[in-house]
Structure formats: C-alpha cells, structure tokens
Protein backbone atom coordinates (compact mmCIF):
# COMPACT_ATOMS: atom_id res chain seq x y z
CA MET A 1 -18.77 -12.43 -31.18
CA SER A 2 -15.18 -13.47 -31.66
CA GLU A 3 -12.16 -11.85 -29.99
CA LYS A 4 -11.33 -10.02 -33.24
CA THR A 5 -14.74 -8.36 -33.53
CA LYS A 6 -15.41 -7.64 -29.87
CA PRO A 7 -12.96 -5.26 -28.19
CA ALA A 8 -11.48 -6.32 -24.88
CA ASP A 9 -13.06 -4.85 -21.77
CA PHE A 10 -10.14 -3.08 -20.11
CA SER A 11 -12.32 -1.77 -17.29
CA ALA A 12 -12.81 -5.40 -16.19
CA LEU A 13 -9.17 -5.40 -15.14
CA LEU A 14 -9.80 -2.81 -12.45
CA LEU A 15 -13.20 -4.14 -11.38
CA HIS A 16 -11.93 -7.62 -10.49
CA PRO A 17 -11.26 -8.53 -6.82
CA TRP A 18 -7.56 -9.43 -7.35
CA PRO A 19 -6.36 -5.88 -8.15
CA ALA A 20 -8.51 -4.58 -5.30
CA LEU A 21 -6.86 -7.05 -2.91
CA ALA A 22 -3.40 -6.01 -4.14
CA ALA A 23 -4.28 -2.35 -3.55
CA LEU A 24 -5.60 -3.15 -0.07
CA LEU A 25 -2.42 -5.09 0.70
CA ILE A 26 -0.31 -2.09 -0.29
CA LEU A 27 -2.45 0.28 1.80
CA PHE A 28 -2.54 -2.03 4.83
CA ASN A 29 1.21 -2.42 4.66
CA ALA A 30 1.90 1.31 4.21
CA PHE A 31 -0.46 2.64 6.84
CA TYR A 32 -0.43 -0.12 9.47
CA LEU A 33 2.33 -2.71 9.24
CA ARG A 34 5.18 -0.29 8.51
CA GLN A 35 4.01 1.95 11.34
CA HIS A 36 3.45 -0.72 14.00
CA HIS A 37 5.33 -3.86 12.90
CA ALA A 38 8.13 -2.73 10.61
CA GLY A 39 10.44 -5.50 9.48
CA PHE A 40 11.38 -7.86 6.68
CA TRP A 41 7.81 -8.86 5.79
CA SER A 42 6.38 -5.36 5.86
CA GLY A 43 8.91 -4.44 3.17
CA LYS A 44 8.05 -7.42 0.99
CA LEU A 45 4.26 -7.10 1.12
CA SER A 46 4.23 -3.80 -0.76
CA ASP A 47 6.54 -5.29 -3.38
CA VAL A 48 4.17 -8.24 -3.84
CA GLY A 49 1.20 -5.90 -4.27
CA ILE A 50 3.08 -3.54 -6.59
CA CYS A 51 4.40 -6.35 -8.80
CA PHE A 52 0.82 -7.49 -9.38
CA LEU A 53 -1.07 -4.20 -9.41
CA LEU A 54 1.28 -2.04 -11.49
CA PRO A 55 1.07 -4.17 -14.66
CA VAL A 56 -2.72 -4.31 -14.29
CA LEU A 57 -2.90 -0.51 -14.01
CA LEU A 58 -0.57 -0.10 -16.98
CA ALA A 59 -2.66 -2.49 -19.10
CA ALA A 60 -5.89 -0.71 -18.13
CA SER A 61 -4.31 2.66 -18.99
CA TRP A 62 -3.02 1.28 -22.28
CA GLY A 63 -6.52 0.09 -23.10
CA LEU A 64 -8.02 3.50 -22.38
CA VAL A 65 -5.44 5.34 -24.51
CA ALA A 66 -5.61 2.77 -27.32
CA LYS A 67 -9.41 3.04 -27.45
CA LEU A 68 -9.14 6.84 -27.64
CA ILE A 69 -6.70 6.73 -30.55
CA HIS A 70 -8.20 3.63 -32.17
CA PRO A 71 -10.41 5.61 -34.59
CA LEU A 72 -7.28 7.40 -35.79
CA SER A 73 -5.30 4.19 -36.29
CA PRO A 74 -6.22 1.00 -38.12
CA GLN A 75 -3.89 -0.99 -35.84
CA ARG A 76 -6.37 -3.30 -34.05
CA ASN A 77 -3.51 -5.29 -32.53
CA LEU A 78 -3.01 -2.45 -30.03
CA LEU A 79 -5.97 -3.90 -28.17
CA GLN A 80 -5.17 -7.62 -28.37
CA PRO A 81 -4.81 -9.35 -24.97
CA ALA A 82 -1.42 -11.03 -25.51
CA PRO A 83 0.60 -7.92 -26.51
CA VAL A 84 -1.09 -5.77 -23.87
CA ALA A 85 -0.35 -8.30 -21.13
CA LEU A 86 3.19 -9.00 -22.29
CA VAL A 87 4.31 -5.39 -22.74
CA SER A 88 2.65 -4.20 -19.51
CA CYS A 89 4.33 -6.92 -17.48
CA CYS A 90 7.73 -6.59 -19.17
CA VAL A 91 7.82 -2.81 -18.65
CA CYS A 92 6.91 -3.20 -14.97
CA ALA A 93 9.34 -6.08 -14.40
CA ALA A 94 12.17 -4.13 -16.05
CA TYR A 95 11.41 -1.05 -13.93
CA PHE A 96 11.20 -3.07 -10.71
CA GLY A 97 14.38 -4.96 -11.57
CA ALA A 98 16.23 -1.74 -12.36
CA LEU A 99 15.04 -0.25 -9.09
CA ASN A 100 16.62 -3.13 -7.19
CA LEU A 101 19.74 -3.73 -9.29
CA LEU A 102 20.97 -0.46 -10.84
CA PRO A 103 22.70 1.91 -8.40
CA GLY A 104 21.45 5.22 -9.86
CA PHE A 105 17.90 4.09 -10.58
CA PRO A 106 16.41 4.62 -7.10
CA ARG A 107 17.38 8.30 -7.31
CA PHE A 108 15.71 8.57 -10.74
CA HIS A 109 12.62 6.86 -9.29
CA GLU A 110 12.53 9.25 -6.35
CA THR A 111 12.77 12.25 -8.71
CA LEU A 112 10.03 10.84 -10.94
CA MET A 113 7.73 10.16 -7.99
CA GLY A 114 8.42 13.67 -6.72
CA PHE A 115 6.45 14.97 -9.70
CA LEU A 116 3.48 12.77 -8.79
CA VAL A 117 3.31 12.89 -4.98
CA LYS A 118 4.34 15.45 -2.38
CA ASN A 119 6.54 13.22 -0.20
CA PRO A 120 7.69 10.20 -2.19
CA ILE A 121 8.96 7.13 -0.38
CA ARG A 122 12.70 6.77 -0.81
CA PRO A 123 13.32 3.38 -2.42
CA THR A 124 16.22 1.19 -1.40
CA MET A 125 18.04 -1.34 -3.54
CA ASP A 126 17.33 -4.83 -2.24
CA VAL A 127 18.10 -7.93 -4.28
CA THR A 128 15.87 -9.96 -1.97
CA ASP A 129 12.88 -8.12 -3.48
CA LEU A 130 13.41 -9.79 -6.86
CA PRO A 131 11.41 -12.97 -6.07
CA CYS A 132 8.36 -10.69 -5.89
CA LEU A 133 8.61 -10.51 -9.69
CA ALA A 134 6.77 -13.85 -9.70
CA PHE A 135 3.65 -11.79 -9.08
CA THR A 136 4.29 -9.96 -12.35
CA VAL A 137 4.00 -13.35 -14.06
CA ALA A 138 0.73 -13.87 -12.19
CA ALA A 139 -0.38 -10.44 -13.43
CA TYR A 140 0.40 -11.50 -17.02
CA PHE A 141 -1.91 -14.51 -16.77
CA PHE A 142 -4.57 -12.44 -15.01
CA ILE A 143 -4.51 -9.66 -17.63
CA HIS A 144 -4.48 -12.09 -20.54
CA ARG A 145 -7.36 -14.15 -19.13
CA GLN A 146 -9.47 -11.11 -18.23
CA LEU A 147 -9.04 -9.52 -21.64
CA SER A 148 -9.61 -12.80 -23.49
CA THR A 149 -12.84 -13.65 -21.65
CA PRO A 150 -15.89 -12.67 -23.70
C-alpha cells in the first residue's frame, strides 16, 4: 500500500528504542546524577533527552487526536509524516528556545507545570542549553522516517 492509502503508525514512535533511551536518560539524570554528581553535564543531559523526546511525544499525541477526529474531517494531510514532524519539532524548539531566552517565560512554564505535577522543577534561563536543540533536528528525522516507513 502507498503512503496515501496506509495511515502512518504513530504508536511506532513510542515503541522504538530511541525515545525509550531518551526517557531513561532523563530519569537517570533526574534521580541519580543531579542527586550525586550535580554539575554542568547533569543539567545538559536532561535538555538533550527533552529536546528529542518532547517532539516525539507531541507527534504521537497529534497522531492519536488526528485519528480520533479523522472520520469527522476529510483533511488526510493531518496525518502526513512531513507536517507532523515539522510542526511537532518547531513547537518544541520554539518552547525550549523561549524558556532559555525570554525572561518571563520560565515563570509561565513553572505555572503551567504546576497544573500537571505537584512539585514542578523551577527552570532557569541558560543560553548554553540552546545547542541541545540539535536533538530536535534529530527528532524531526526520526519522526519523519518512522512515520514514512511502511
């Protein structure tokens, strides 16, 4: 079947080893490195994992929602790999960039996270985190390839 007739398998995004490794990196950093070996690298490892994992989670969520509303909408391009990958990565890159560049954004982030978790981590602005955005580019290629593979 061609890409136009076979819907992309969004669950494959979460079942692949790369997102699992990114999640493990975040957990290892949060529960071990920051507790026992806090420093420059312990701060960067979570950013690396987040810059890869967050776009993947957003794309997988988009796929789930788009499949639920698909019968109500004739817009099949909601499920095409390129737009899903591009928008997911751009949204995450813009959020991460704003978190590290815009003075009031960390407070907004902390408030937003307060609705989701009991004790949110207080983010700090750090321009040296921006190179981690390269992993968002890696996430783009990962998402696009996973969704394009029959």
